[in-house]
Amino acid sequence: MSAVADLLDRARVARIRRALRDGERPQRLGLVLDCSDLRATSREPLDAGAGHSAGAAHADDLLYWCEEWDIDHLVVHVVTAGVLRRGQGGQVGYLRGLVEAVVADTVAGPGESWRLEVAGDVSRLPTYTIAALRLAAALTRSRQHQLTVSIGHPGEPAPALDAADLVLTPPLPLGLTERELAEALLEWSRTEVGRAG
């Protein structure tokens, strides 16, 4: 992104933040990642190492934005049971690495305020991925905000998303920008405030 585009995005986000009153934000945000197609837009396989690093960095941004926007509960639907069941080695390997990188580098890291809860059936994941998820859940048990990661549900949408006030589906896994989040929050507030009034 160019410096000018970045500046415009930040200005738009600041205007939306000023426009929204405190009561006009969802408390529970849902995010659907499309891990059934883990390829870049060029249709070439993703570089797993680069993808995991980018995923961890973007997850850190997403959690920070949620804190900044006073969203206390984030539900991330990662993958359905069908994808895990039929997943090729590369696809499941990429997913495993992404989950481990995000959990180890971001959620369970020191100084974070997110409590991890895993929903779904993780039995098809490798044992070390399951262990990493369980350890992160134990380490984060007393934290303030809740992050629910939905893995291995039999259909879509995942049950964990049912109670979300707003559900977003970015075009690429973890490809949401803060401006897109802000725009979605503004649209949600207009709809919700309009219904309430």
N, C-alpha and C. Protein backbone atom coordinates (compact mmCIF):
# COMPACT_ATOMS: atom_id res chain seq x y z
N MET A 1 0.84 -1.18 0.00
CA MET A 1 0.00 0.00 0.00
C MET A 1 0.89 1.23 0.00
N SER A 2 0.53 2.22 -0.81
CA SER A 2 1.33 3.44 -0.89
C SER A 2 1.12 4.28 0.37
N ALA A 3 2.05 5.21 0.59
CA ALA A 3 1.97 6.07 1.76
C ALA A 3 0.71 6.95 1.71
N VAL A 4 0.34 7.39 0.51
CA VAL A 4 -0.85 8.24 0.37
C VAL A 4 -2.11 7.43 0.69
N ALA A 5 -2.19 6.22 0.14
CA ALA A 5 -3.35 5.36 0.42
C ALA A 5 -3.44 5.04 1.91
N ASP A 6 -2.29 4.77 2.53
CA ASP A 6 -2.27 4.48 3.96
C ASP A 6 -2.76 5.68 4.77
N LEU A 7 -2.33 6.87 4.39
CA LEU A 7 -2.76 8.09 5.07
C LEU A 7 -4.26 8.31 4.91
N LEU A 8 -4.78 8.07 3.71
CA LEU A 8 -6.22 8.22 3.47
C LEU A 8 -7.01 7.20 4.30
N ASP A 9 -6.51 5.97 4.35
CA ASP A 9 -7.18 4.95 5.15
C ASP A 9 -7.22 5.33 6.62
N ARG A 10 -6.09 5.81 7.15
CA ARG A 10 -6.05 6.21 8.55
C ARG A 10 -6.99 7.37 8.83
N ALA A 11 -7.08 8.32 7.88
CA ALA A 11 -7.99 9.45 8.05
C ALA A 11 -9.45 8.97 8.05
N ARG A 12 -9.77 8.03 7.17
CA ARG A 12 -11.14 7.50 7.11
C ARG A 12 -11.48 6.75 8.41
N VAL A 13 -10.54 5.95 8.90
CA VAL A 13 -10.75 5.22 10.16
C VAL A 13 -10.97 6.20 11.30
N ALA A 14 -10.19 7.28 11.36
CA ALA A 14 -10.35 8.28 12.43
C ALA A 14 -11.72 8.95 12.34
N ARG A 15 -12.19 9.26 11.12
CA ARG A 15 -13.51 9.88 10.96
C ARG A 15 -14.61 8.93 11.44
N ILE A 16 -14.49 7.65 11.09
CA ILE A 16 -15.50 6.67 11.51
C ILE A 16 -15.48 6.52 13.02
N ARG A 17 -14.29 6.49 13.60
CA ARG A 17 -14.19 6.36 15.07
C ARG A 17 -14.90 7.53 15.76
N ARG A 18 -14.74 8.74 15.21
CA ARG A 18 -15.41 9.91 15.80
C ARG A 18 -16.93 9.84 15.59
N ALA A 19 -17.35 9.25 14.46
CA ALA A 19 -18.77 9.20 14.14
C ALA A 19 -19.54 8.19 15.01
N LEU A 20 -18.87 7.17 15.45
CA LEU A 20 -19.55 6.13 16.24
C LEU A 20 -19.53 6.48 17.72
N ARG A 21 -20.69 6.41 18.32
CA ARG A 21 -20.76 6.58 19.77
C ARG A 21 -20.46 5.23 20.42
N ASP A 22 -20.18 5.26 21.71
CA ASP A 22 -19.76 4.05 22.42
C ASP A 22 -20.76 2.91 22.30
N GLY A 23 -22.04 3.20 22.35
CA GLY A 23 -23.04 2.14 22.30
C GLY A 23 -23.29 1.60 20.91
N GLU A 24 -22.60 2.11 19.92
CA GLU A 24 -22.87 1.74 18.53
C GLU A 24 -21.82 0.77 17.98
N ARG A 25 -21.36 -0.13 18.81
CA ARG A 25 -20.38 -1.10 18.35
C ARG A 25 -20.80 -2.49 18.78
N PRO A 26 -20.57 -3.47 17.91
CA PRO A 26 -20.92 -4.84 18.31
C PRO A 26 -19.98 -5.31 19.42
N GLN A 27 -20.50 -6.11 20.31
CA GLN A 27 -19.67 -6.69 21.36
C GLN A 27 -19.03 -7.99 20.93
N ARG A 28 -19.64 -8.63 19.92
CA ARG A 28 -19.15 -9.93 19.46
C ARG A 28 -19.01 -9.89 17.95
N LEU A 29 -17.78 -9.96 17.47
CA LEU A 29 -17.48 -9.92 16.04
C LEU A 29 -17.09 -11.30 15.56
N GLY A 30 -17.67 -11.73 14.44
CA GLY A 30 -17.32 -13.00 13.83
C GLY A 30 -16.50 -12.77 12.57
N LEU A 31 -15.52 -13.63 12.35
CA LEU A 31 -14.67 -13.55 11.16
C LEU A 31 -14.57 -14.94 10.56
N VAL A 32 -14.92 -15.07 9.28
CA VAL A 32 -14.86 -16.37 8.60
C VAL A 32 -13.65 -16.36 7.69
N LEU A 33 -12.73 -17.27 7.94
CA LEU A 33 -11.57 -17.44 7.07
C LEU A 33 -11.86 -18.56 6.09
N ASP A 34 -11.53 -18.37 4.84
CA ASP A 34 -11.77 -19.40 3.84
C ASP A 34 -10.51 -20.25 3.70
N CYS A 35 -10.41 -21.26 4.51
CA CYS A 35 -9.24 -22.14 4.43
C CYS A 35 -9.50 -23.33 3.52
N SER A 36 -10.60 -23.30 2.76
CA SER A 36 -10.80 -24.36 1.78
C SER A 36 -9.99 -24.08 0.52
N ASP A 37 -9.49 -22.87 0.38
CA ASP A 37 -8.68 -22.51 -0.77
C ASP A 37 -7.50 -21.70 -0.28
N LEU A 38 -6.44 -22.40 0.09
CA LEU A 38 -5.29 -21.73 0.69
C LEU A 38 -4.24 -21.40 -0.36
N ARG A 39 -4.64 -20.67 -1.39
CA ARG A 39 -3.71 -20.26 -2.43
C ARG A 39 -3.78 -18.76 -2.58
N ALA A 40 -2.70 -18.20 -3.10
CA ALA A 40 -2.68 -16.77 -3.37
C ALA A 40 -3.54 -16.47 -4.59
N THR A 41 -3.77 -15.19 -4.85
CA THR A 41 -4.62 -14.81 -5.97
C THR A 41 -4.02 -15.24 -7.30
N SER A 42 -2.74 -15.47 -7.36
CA SER A 42 -2.10 -15.92 -8.61
C SER A 42 -2.41 -17.39 -8.88
N ARG A 43 -3.09 -18.05 -7.95
CA ARG A 43 -3.44 -19.47 -8.03
C ARG A 43 -2.22 -20.37 -7.82
N GLU A 44 -1.13 -19.80 -7.40
CA GLU A 44 0.05 -20.58 -7.06
C GLU A 44 -0.01 -20.92 -5.58
N PRO A 45 0.60 -22.05 -5.16
CA PRO A 45 0.59 -22.38 -3.73
C PRO A 45 1.26 -21.29 -2.91
N LEU A 46 0.72 -21.03 -1.75
CA LEU A 46 1.32 -20.06 -0.85
C LEU A 46 2.64 -20.58 -0.28
N ASP A 47 3.57 -19.68 -0.06
CA ASP A 47 4.80 -20.02 0.66
C ASP A 47 4.41 -20.16 2.12
N ALA A 48 4.46 -21.39 2.63
CA ALA A 48 3.93 -21.66 3.96
C ALA A 48 4.59 -20.79 5.03
N GLY A 49 5.90 -20.70 5.03
CA GLY A 49 6.59 -19.92 6.06
C GLY A 49 6.19 -18.46 6.03
N ALA A 50 6.14 -17.88 4.84
CA ALA A 50 5.73 -16.48 4.69
C ALA A 50 4.27 -16.31 5.09
N GLY A 51 3.45 -17.29 4.72
CA GLY A 51 2.02 -17.23 5.08
C GLY A 51 1.80 -17.27 6.57
N HIS A 52 2.55 -18.13 7.26
CA HIS A 52 2.38 -18.23 8.71
C HIS A 52 2.81 -16.93 9.39
N SER A 53 3.92 -16.36 8.94
CA SER A 53 4.40 -15.11 9.53
C SER A 53 3.42 -13.98 9.29
N ALA A 54 2.91 -13.90 8.05
CA ALA A 54 1.93 -12.86 7.72
C ALA A 54 0.65 -13.07 8.54
N GLY A 55 0.23 -14.33 8.67
CA GLY A 55 -0.97 -14.63 9.45
C GLY A 55 -0.82 -14.21 10.90
N ALA A 56 0.33 -14.52 11.50
CA ALA A 56 0.57 -14.15 12.89
C ALA A 56 0.60 -12.64 13.06
N ALA A 57 1.26 -11.94 12.12
CA ALA A 57 1.34 -10.48 12.21
C ALA A 57 -0.04 -9.85 12.04
N HIS A 58 -0.81 -10.38 11.10
CA HIS A 58 -2.13 -9.79 10.86
C HIS A 58 -3.08 -10.12 12.01
N ALA A 59 -2.95 -11.30 12.59
CA ALA A 59 -3.79 -11.64 13.75
C ALA A 59 -3.51 -10.67 14.89
N ASP A 60 -2.26 -10.31 15.07
CA ASP A 60 -1.89 -9.35 16.10
C ASP A 60 -2.58 -8.01 15.84
N ASP A 61 -2.55 -7.57 14.56
CA ASP A 61 -3.24 -6.33 14.19
C ASP A 61 -4.73 -6.42 14.47
N LEU A 62 -5.35 -7.54 14.08
CA LEU A 62 -6.79 -7.72 14.25
C LEU A 62 -7.19 -7.65 15.72
N LEU A 63 -6.42 -8.32 16.58
CA LEU A 63 -6.72 -8.30 18.01
C LEU A 63 -6.56 -6.88 18.57
N TYR A 64 -5.55 -6.18 18.11
CA TYR A 64 -5.33 -4.80 18.55
C TYR A 64 -6.50 -3.91 18.11
N TRP A 65 -6.95 -4.07 16.85
CA TRP A 65 -8.07 -3.26 16.36
C TRP A 65 -9.32 -3.54 17.17
N CYS A 66 -9.56 -4.80 17.48
CA CYS A 66 -10.75 -5.14 18.28
C CYS A 66 -10.69 -4.45 19.64
N GLU A 67 -9.52 -4.43 20.25
CA GLU A 67 -9.37 -3.73 21.52
C GLU A 67 -9.63 -2.24 21.35
N GLU A 68 -9.07 -1.65 20.30
CA GLU A 68 -9.25 -0.23 20.03
C GLU A 68 -10.72 0.13 19.78
N TRP A 69 -11.45 -0.79 19.16
CA TRP A 69 -12.87 -0.54 18.84
C TRP A 69 -13.80 -1.06 19.94
N ASP A 70 -13.23 -1.47 21.08
CA ASP A 70 -14.01 -1.96 22.23
C ASP A 70 -14.88 -3.17 21.88
N ILE A 71 -14.32 -4.08 21.11
CA ILE A 71 -14.99 -5.34 20.80
C ILE A 71 -14.39 -6.38 21.74
N ASP A 72 -15.23 -6.91 22.63
CA ASP A 72 -14.74 -7.78 23.70
C ASP A 72 -14.63 -9.25 23.31
N HIS A 73 -15.32 -9.66 22.25
CA HIS A 73 -15.34 -11.08 21.89
C HIS A 73 -15.18 -11.21 20.38
N LEU A 74 -14.15 -11.92 19.96
CA LEU A 74 -13.89 -12.18 18.55
C LEU A 74 -14.01 -13.68 18.32
N VAL A 75 -14.84 -14.06 17.35
CA VAL A 75 -15.02 -15.46 16.97
C VAL A 75 -14.43 -15.63 15.58
N VAL A 76 -13.44 -16.51 15.44
CA VAL A 76 -12.81 -16.76 14.15
C VAL A 76 -13.09 -18.18 13.72
N HIS A 77 -13.87 -18.32 12.66
CA HIS A 77 -14.14 -19.65 12.09
C HIS A 77 -13.02 -19.96 11.10
N VAL A 78 -12.23 -20.97 11.41
CA VAL A 78 -11.04 -21.25 10.61
C VAL A 78 -11.34 -22.26 9.51
N VAL A 79 -11.92 -23.39 9.87
CA VAL A 79 -12.08 -24.44 8.86
C VAL A 79 -13.18 -25.41 9.30
N THR A 80 -13.91 -25.95 8.32
CA THR A 80 -14.95 -26.92 8.62
C THR A 80 -14.36 -28.32 8.74
N ALA A 81 -15.14 -29.22 9.29
CA ALA A 81 -14.71 -30.62 9.40
C ALA A 81 -14.49 -31.23 8.03
N GLY A 82 -15.32 -30.85 7.04
CA GLY A 82 -15.17 -31.40 5.69
C GLY A 82 -13.82 -31.11 5.07
N VAL A 83 -13.32 -29.89 5.28
CA VAL A 83 -12.00 -29.53 4.74
C VAL A 83 -10.92 -30.36 5.43
N LEU A 84 -11.04 -30.52 6.75
CA LEU A 84 -10.05 -31.33 7.47
C LEU A 84 -10.12 -32.79 7.03
N ARG A 85 -11.33 -33.26 6.80
CA ARG A 85 -11.52 -34.66 6.43
C ARG A 85 -10.91 -34.97 5.06
N ARG A 86 -11.13 -34.08 4.11
CA ARG A 86 -10.64 -34.36 2.75
C ARG A 86 -9.36 -33.61 2.41
N GLY A 87 -8.86 -32.82 3.37
CA GLY A 87 -7.72 -31.96 3.10
C GLY A 87 -6.47 -32.71 2.68
N GLN A 88 -5.82 -32.16 1.64
CA GLN A 88 -4.54 -32.71 1.23
C GLN A 88 -3.49 -32.31 2.26
N GLY A 89 -2.39 -33.00 2.24
CA GLY A 89 -1.33 -32.75 3.22
C GLY A 89 -0.88 -31.31 3.27
N GLY A 90 -0.70 -30.67 2.10
CA GLY A 90 -0.24 -29.29 2.05
C GLY A 90 -1.24 -28.34 2.66
N GLN A 91 -2.51 -28.57 2.38
CA GLN A 91 -3.57 -27.71 2.88
C GLN A 91 -3.67 -27.79 4.40
N VAL A 92 -3.71 -29.01 4.92
CA VAL A 92 -3.79 -29.19 6.37
C VAL A 92 -2.50 -28.73 7.03
N GLY A 93 -1.36 -28.96 6.38
CA GLY A 93 -0.08 -28.50 6.91
C GLY A 93 -0.02 -26.99 7.02
N TYR A 94 -0.53 -26.31 5.99
CA TYR A 94 -0.55 -24.85 6.03
C TYR A 94 -1.44 -24.37 7.17
N LEU A 95 -2.61 -24.97 7.29
CA LEU A 95 -3.54 -24.60 8.35
C LEU A 95 -2.91 -24.84 9.72
N ARG A 96 -2.28 -26.00 9.90
CA ARG A 96 -1.64 -26.32 11.17
C ARG A 96 -0.59 -25.28 11.52
N GLY A 97 0.25 -24.94 10.56
CA GLY A 97 1.30 -23.95 10.81
C GLY A 97 0.74 -22.58 11.12
N LEU A 98 -0.33 -22.21 10.42
CA LEU A 98 -0.96 -20.92 10.67
C LEU A 98 -1.53 -20.86 12.08
N VAL A 99 -2.24 -21.90 12.48
CA VAL A 99 -2.82 -21.94 13.84
C VAL A 99 -1.71 -21.88 14.87
N GLU A 100 -0.66 -22.68 14.68
CA GLU A 100 0.43 -22.68 15.66
C GLU A 100 1.14 -21.33 15.73
N ALA A 101 1.38 -20.72 14.57
CA ALA A 101 2.08 -19.43 14.56
C ALA A 101 1.24 -18.35 15.22
N VAL A 102 -0.05 -18.31 14.88
CA VAL A 102 -0.92 -17.28 15.47
C VAL A 102 -1.07 -17.51 16.96
N VAL A 103 -1.28 -18.76 17.37
CA VAL A 103 -1.48 -19.05 18.79
C VAL A 103 -0.20 -18.80 19.57
N ALA A 104 0.91 -19.33 19.08
CA ALA A 104 2.17 -19.21 19.84
C ALA A 104 2.72 -17.79 19.83
N ASP A 105 2.69 -17.13 18.66
CA ASP A 105 3.32 -15.82 18.54
C ASP A 105 2.43 -14.68 18.98
N THR A 106 1.13 -14.87 18.93
CA THR A 106 0.23 -13.74 19.16
C THR A 106 -0.62 -13.93 20.40
N VAL A 107 -1.51 -14.89 20.38
CA VAL A 107 -2.51 -15.00 21.44
C VAL A 107 -1.88 -15.34 22.78
N ALA A 108 -0.98 -16.31 22.81
CA ALA A 108 -0.41 -16.75 24.09
C ALA A 108 0.79 -15.92 24.51
N GLY A 109 1.17 -14.96 23.70
CA GLY A 109 2.34 -14.16 24.02
C GLY A 109 2.15 -13.28 25.25
N PRO A 110 3.25 -12.86 25.85
CA PRO A 110 3.15 -12.00 27.03
C PRO A 110 2.60 -10.63 26.64
N GLY A 111 1.87 -10.04 27.55
CA GLY A 111 1.34 -8.71 27.31
C GLY A 111 0.04 -8.69 26.53
N GLU A 112 -0.44 -9.84 26.12
CA GLU A 112 -1.72 -9.90 25.38
C GLU A 112 -2.87 -9.96 26.38
N SER A 113 -4.06 -9.57 25.93
CA SER A 113 -5.21 -9.55 26.84
C SER A 113 -6.32 -10.50 26.39
N TRP A 114 -6.02 -11.40 25.46
CA TRP A 114 -7.06 -12.27 24.89
C TRP A 114 -7.01 -13.66 25.50
N ARG A 115 -8.18 -14.16 25.86
CA ARG A 115 -8.37 -15.51 26.40
C ARG A 115 -8.81 -16.40 25.24
N LEU A 116 -8.11 -17.50 25.03
CA LEU A 116 -8.40 -18.40 23.92
C LEU A 116 -9.39 -19.48 24.34
N GLU A 117 -10.40 -19.66 23.51
CA GLU A 117 -11.33 -20.78 23.65
C GLU A 117 -11.41 -21.45 22.29
N VAL A 118 -11.30 -22.77 22.27
CA VAL A 118 -11.38 -23.52 21.02
C VAL A 118 -12.73 -24.21 20.95
N ALA A 119 -13.46 -23.98 19.87
CA ALA A 119 -14.76 -24.61 19.66
C ALA A 119 -14.65 -25.55 18.47
N GLY A 120 -15.36 -26.67 18.55
CA GLY A 120 -15.36 -27.60 17.43
C GLY A 120 -14.62 -28.88 17.73
N ASP A 121 -14.29 -29.60 16.66
CA ASP A 121 -13.63 -30.90 16.77
C ASP A 121 -12.23 -30.79 16.18
N VAL A 122 -11.24 -30.76 17.06
CA VAL A 122 -9.86 -30.62 16.61
C VAL A 122 -9.16 -31.97 16.44
N SER A 123 -9.92 -33.06 16.54
CA SER A 123 -9.31 -34.39 16.55
C SER A 123 -8.57 -34.73 15.26
N ARG A 124 -8.88 -34.06 14.15
CA ARG A 124 -8.19 -34.34 12.89
C ARG A 124 -6.91 -33.52 12.71
N LEU A 125 -6.63 -32.64 13.66
CA LEU A 125 -5.38 -31.88 13.61
C LEU A 125 -4.26 -32.74 14.20
N PRO A 126 -3.01 -32.45 13.83
CA PRO A 126 -1.89 -33.18 14.44
C PRO A 126 -1.88 -32.98 15.96
N THR A 127 -1.36 -33.98 16.67
CA THR A 127 -1.38 -33.92 18.13
C THR A 127 -0.64 -32.71 18.69
N TYR A 128 0.46 -32.29 18.04
CA TYR A 128 1.20 -31.14 18.56
C TYR A 128 0.43 -29.84 18.34
N THR A 129 -0.42 -29.77 17.31
CA THR A 129 -1.27 -28.59 17.12
C THR A 129 -2.34 -28.54 18.19
N ILE A 130 -2.93 -29.71 18.48
CA ILE A 130 -3.94 -29.79 19.54
C ILE A 130 -3.31 -29.39 20.87
N ALA A 131 -2.10 -29.88 21.13
CA ALA A 131 -1.40 -29.55 22.38
C ALA A 131 -1.13 -28.05 22.47
N ALA A 132 -0.74 -27.41 21.34
CA ALA A 132 -0.47 -25.97 21.34
C ALA A 132 -1.74 -25.19 21.65
N LEU A 133 -2.86 -25.62 21.08
CA LEU A 133 -4.14 -24.95 21.34
C LEU A 133 -4.54 -25.09 22.81
N ARG A 134 -4.40 -26.29 23.35
CA ARG A 134 -4.77 -26.51 24.76
C ARG A 134 -3.87 -25.72 25.71
N LEU A 135 -2.59 -25.69 25.41
CA LEU A 135 -1.66 -24.93 26.25
C LEU A 135 -1.99 -23.45 26.22
N ALA A 136 -2.26 -22.92 25.02
CA ALA A 136 -2.61 -21.50 24.91
C ALA A 136 -3.90 -21.20 25.66
N ALA A 137 -4.88 -22.10 25.59
CA ALA A 137 -6.14 -21.90 26.33
C ALA A 137 -5.87 -21.86 27.83
N ALA A 138 -4.99 -22.74 28.31
CA ALA A 138 -4.68 -22.77 29.74
C ALA A 138 -3.91 -21.52 30.17
N LEU A 139 -2.96 -21.09 29.34
CA LEU A 139 -2.13 -19.93 29.69
C LEU A 139 -2.92 -18.62 29.68
N THR A 140 -3.99 -18.57 28.90
CA THR A 140 -4.72 -17.31 28.74
C THR A 140 -6.03 -17.27 29.53
N ARG A 141 -6.27 -18.26 30.34
CA ARG A 141 -7.56 -18.44 31.03
C ARG A 141 -8.04 -17.20 31.78
N SER A 142 -7.16 -16.41 32.35
CA SER A 142 -7.59 -15.29 33.19
C SER A 142 -7.63 -13.95 32.46
N ARG A 143 -7.48 -13.95 31.17
CA ARG A 143 -7.42 -12.69 30.43
C ARG A 143 -8.80 -12.08 30.18
N GLN A 144 -8.79 -10.81 29.83
CA GLN A 144 -10.01 -10.00 29.77
C GLN A 144 -10.89 -10.28 28.54
N HIS A 145 -10.34 -10.21 27.35
CA HIS A 145 -11.12 -10.37 26.12
C HIS A 145 -11.15 -11.83 25.69
N GLN A 146 -12.19 -12.22 24.96
CA GLN A 146 -12.31 -13.62 24.55
C GLN A 146 -12.14 -13.79 23.05
N LEU A 147 -11.27 -14.71 22.67
CA LEU A 147 -11.07 -15.11 21.28
C LEU A 147 -11.51 -16.56 21.16
N THR A 148 -12.57 -16.79 20.40
CA THR A 148 -13.04 -18.16 20.15
C THR A 148 -12.60 -18.56 18.76
N VAL A 149 -11.82 -19.63 18.68
CA VAL A 149 -11.37 -20.16 17.40
C VAL A 149 -12.19 -21.40 17.09
N SER A 150 -12.91 -21.37 15.99
CA SER A 150 -13.79 -22.46 15.59
C SER A 150 -13.09 -23.31 14.54
N ILE A 151 -12.86 -24.58 14.88
CA ILE A 151 -12.16 -25.50 13.98
C ILE A 151 -12.95 -26.81 13.93
N GLY A 152 -13.17 -27.32 12.72
CA GLY A 152 -13.72 -28.66 12.57
C GLY A 152 -15.19 -28.83 12.82
N HIS A 153 -15.99 -27.79 12.65
CA HIS A 153 -17.44 -27.95 12.75
C HIS A 153 -17.96 -28.60 11.48
N PRO A 154 -19.06 -29.35 11.58
CA PRO A 154 -19.53 -30.11 10.42
C PRO A 154 -20.10 -29.28 9.29
N GLY A 155 -20.51 -28.06 9.51
CA GLY A 155 -21.09 -27.27 8.43
C GLY A 155 -20.82 -25.80 8.60
N GLU A 156 -21.38 -24.99 7.72
CA GLU A 156 -21.22 -23.56 7.80
C GLU A 156 -22.59 -22.93 7.94
N PRO A 157 -22.77 -21.86 8.69
CA PRO A 157 -21.71 -21.27 9.52
C PRO A 157 -21.47 -22.08 10.79
N ALA A 158 -20.34 -21.90 11.37
CA ALA A 158 -20.02 -22.60 12.60
C ALA A 158 -20.95 -22.13 13.71
N PRO A 159 -21.37 -23.03 14.60
CA PRO A 159 -22.25 -22.63 15.70
C PRO A 159 -21.69 -21.48 16.53
N ALA A 160 -20.38 -21.39 16.63
CA ALA A 160 -19.77 -20.31 17.42
C ALA A 160 -20.09 -18.93 16.84
N LEU A 161 -20.43 -18.88 15.54
CA LEU A 161 -20.74 -17.60 14.91
C LEU A 161 -22.19 -17.17 15.11
N ASP A 162 -23.03 -18.09 15.55
CA ASP A 162 -24.47 -17.81 15.62
C ASP A 162 -24.80 -16.58 16.47
N ALA A 163 -24.08 -16.37 17.56
CA ALA A 163 -24.38 -15.26 18.46
C ALA A 163 -23.61 -13.99 18.12
N ALA A 164 -22.83 -14.00 17.05
CA ALA A 164 -22.06 -12.82 16.68
C ALA A 164 -22.99 -11.70 16.23
N ASP A 165 -22.69 -10.48 16.65
CA ASP A 165 -23.46 -9.32 16.23
C ASP A 165 -23.19 -8.98 14.76
N LEU A 166 -21.97 -9.21 14.32
CA LEU A 166 -21.54 -8.88 12.97
C LEU A 166 -20.57 -9.96 12.52
N VAL A 167 -20.76 -10.51 11.32
CA VAL A 167 -19.87 -11.54 10.77
C VAL A 167 -19.27 -11.02 9.47
N LEU A 168 -17.95 -11.05 9.38
CA LEU A 168 -17.23 -10.59 8.19
C LEU A 168 -16.53 -11.76 7.52
N THR A 169 -16.46 -11.73 6.19
CA THR A 169 -15.75 -12.75 5.43
C THR A 169 -14.76 -12.05 4.50
N PRO A 170 -13.51 -11.87 4.93
CA PRO A 170 -12.55 -11.20 4.05
C PRO A 170 -12.22 -12.07 2.85
N PRO A 171 -11.81 -11.46 1.72
CA PRO A 171 -11.55 -12.23 0.50
C PRO A 171 -10.36 -13.17 0.60
N LEU A 172 -9.40 -12.87 1.45
CA LEU A 172 -8.23 -13.73 1.65
C LEU A 172 -8.12 -14.05 3.14
N PRO A 173 -7.59 -15.22 3.50
CA PRO A 173 -7.43 -15.53 4.92
C PRO A 173 -6.67 -14.42 5.66
N LEU A 174 -7.25 -13.93 6.73
CA LEU A 174 -6.67 -12.86 7.54
C LEU A 174 -6.31 -11.64 6.72
N GLY A 175 -7.12 -11.35 5.67
CA GLY A 175 -6.82 -10.22 4.79
C GLY A 175 -7.60 -8.97 5.09
N LEU A 176 -8.24 -8.89 6.25
CA LEU A 176 -9.05 -7.74 6.62
C LEU A 176 -8.16 -6.56 6.99
N THR A 177 -8.51 -5.37 6.50
CA THR A 177 -7.79 -4.16 6.89
C THR A 177 -8.59 -3.42 7.95
N GLU A 178 -7.94 -2.50 8.65
CA GLU A 178 -8.68 -1.74 9.67
C GLU A 178 -9.74 -0.86 9.02
N ARG A 179 -9.46 -0.34 7.84
CA ARG A 179 -10.48 0.48 7.18
C ARG A 179 -11.71 -0.37 6.86
N GLU A 180 -11.51 -1.59 6.36
CA GLU A 180 -12.65 -2.47 6.07
C GLU A 180 -13.43 -2.79 7.34
N LEU A 181 -12.71 -3.02 8.43
CA LEU A 181 -13.37 -3.26 9.71
C LEU A 181 -14.17 -2.04 10.14
N ALA A 182 -13.56 -0.86 10.04
CA ALA A 182 -14.24 0.37 10.43
C ALA A 182 -15.49 0.61 9.58
N GLU A 183 -15.37 0.39 8.27
CA GLU A 183 -16.53 0.57 7.38
C GLU A 183 -17.66 -0.40 7.75
N ALA A 184 -17.29 -1.65 8.06
CA ALA A 184 -18.30 -2.64 8.44
C ALA A 184 -18.97 -2.25 9.76
N LEU A 185 -18.19 -1.73 10.71
CA LEU A 185 -18.76 -1.29 11.98
C LEU A 185 -19.71 -0.11 11.79
N LEU A 186 -19.33 0.81 10.89
CA LEU A 186 -20.19 1.96 10.61
C LEU A 186 -21.51 1.49 9.99
N GLU A 187 -21.42 0.60 9.03
CA GLU A 187 -22.64 0.06 8.39
C GLU A 187 -23.50 -0.67 9.40
N TRP A 188 -22.86 -1.48 10.24
CA TRP A 188 -23.60 -2.21 11.29
C TRP A 188 -24.31 -1.23 12.21
N SER A 189 -23.61 -0.17 12.63
CA SER A 189 -24.22 0.78 13.57
C SER A 189 -25.41 1.48 12.94
N ARG A 190 -25.33 1.81 11.68
CA ARG A 190 -26.46 2.46 11.00
C ARG A 190 -27.66 1.53 10.94
N THR A 191 -27.41 0.28 10.66
CA THR A 191 -28.49 -0.70 10.59
C THR A 191 -29.10 -0.94 11.96
N GLU A 192 -28.24 -1.16 12.96
CA GLU A 192 -28.72 -1.47 14.31
C GLU A 192 -29.42 -0.26 14.95
N VAL A 193 -28.83 0.93 14.80
CA VAL A 193 -29.44 2.13 15.39
C VAL A 193 -30.75 2.42 14.69
N GLY A 194 -30.80 2.21 13.37
CA GLY A 194 -32.04 2.42 12.63
C GLY A 194 -33.15 1.49 13.09
N ARG A 195 -32.79 0.23 13.35
CA ARG A 195 -33.78 -0.74 13.85
C ARG A 195 -34.26 -0.37 15.24
N ALA A 196 -33.31 0.08 16.08
CA ALA A 196 -33.67 0.41 17.47
C ALA A 196 -34.53 1.66 17.54
N GLY A 197 -34.31 2.61 16.59
CA GLY A 197 -35.03 3.88 16.64
C GLY A 197 -36.29 3.79 15.92
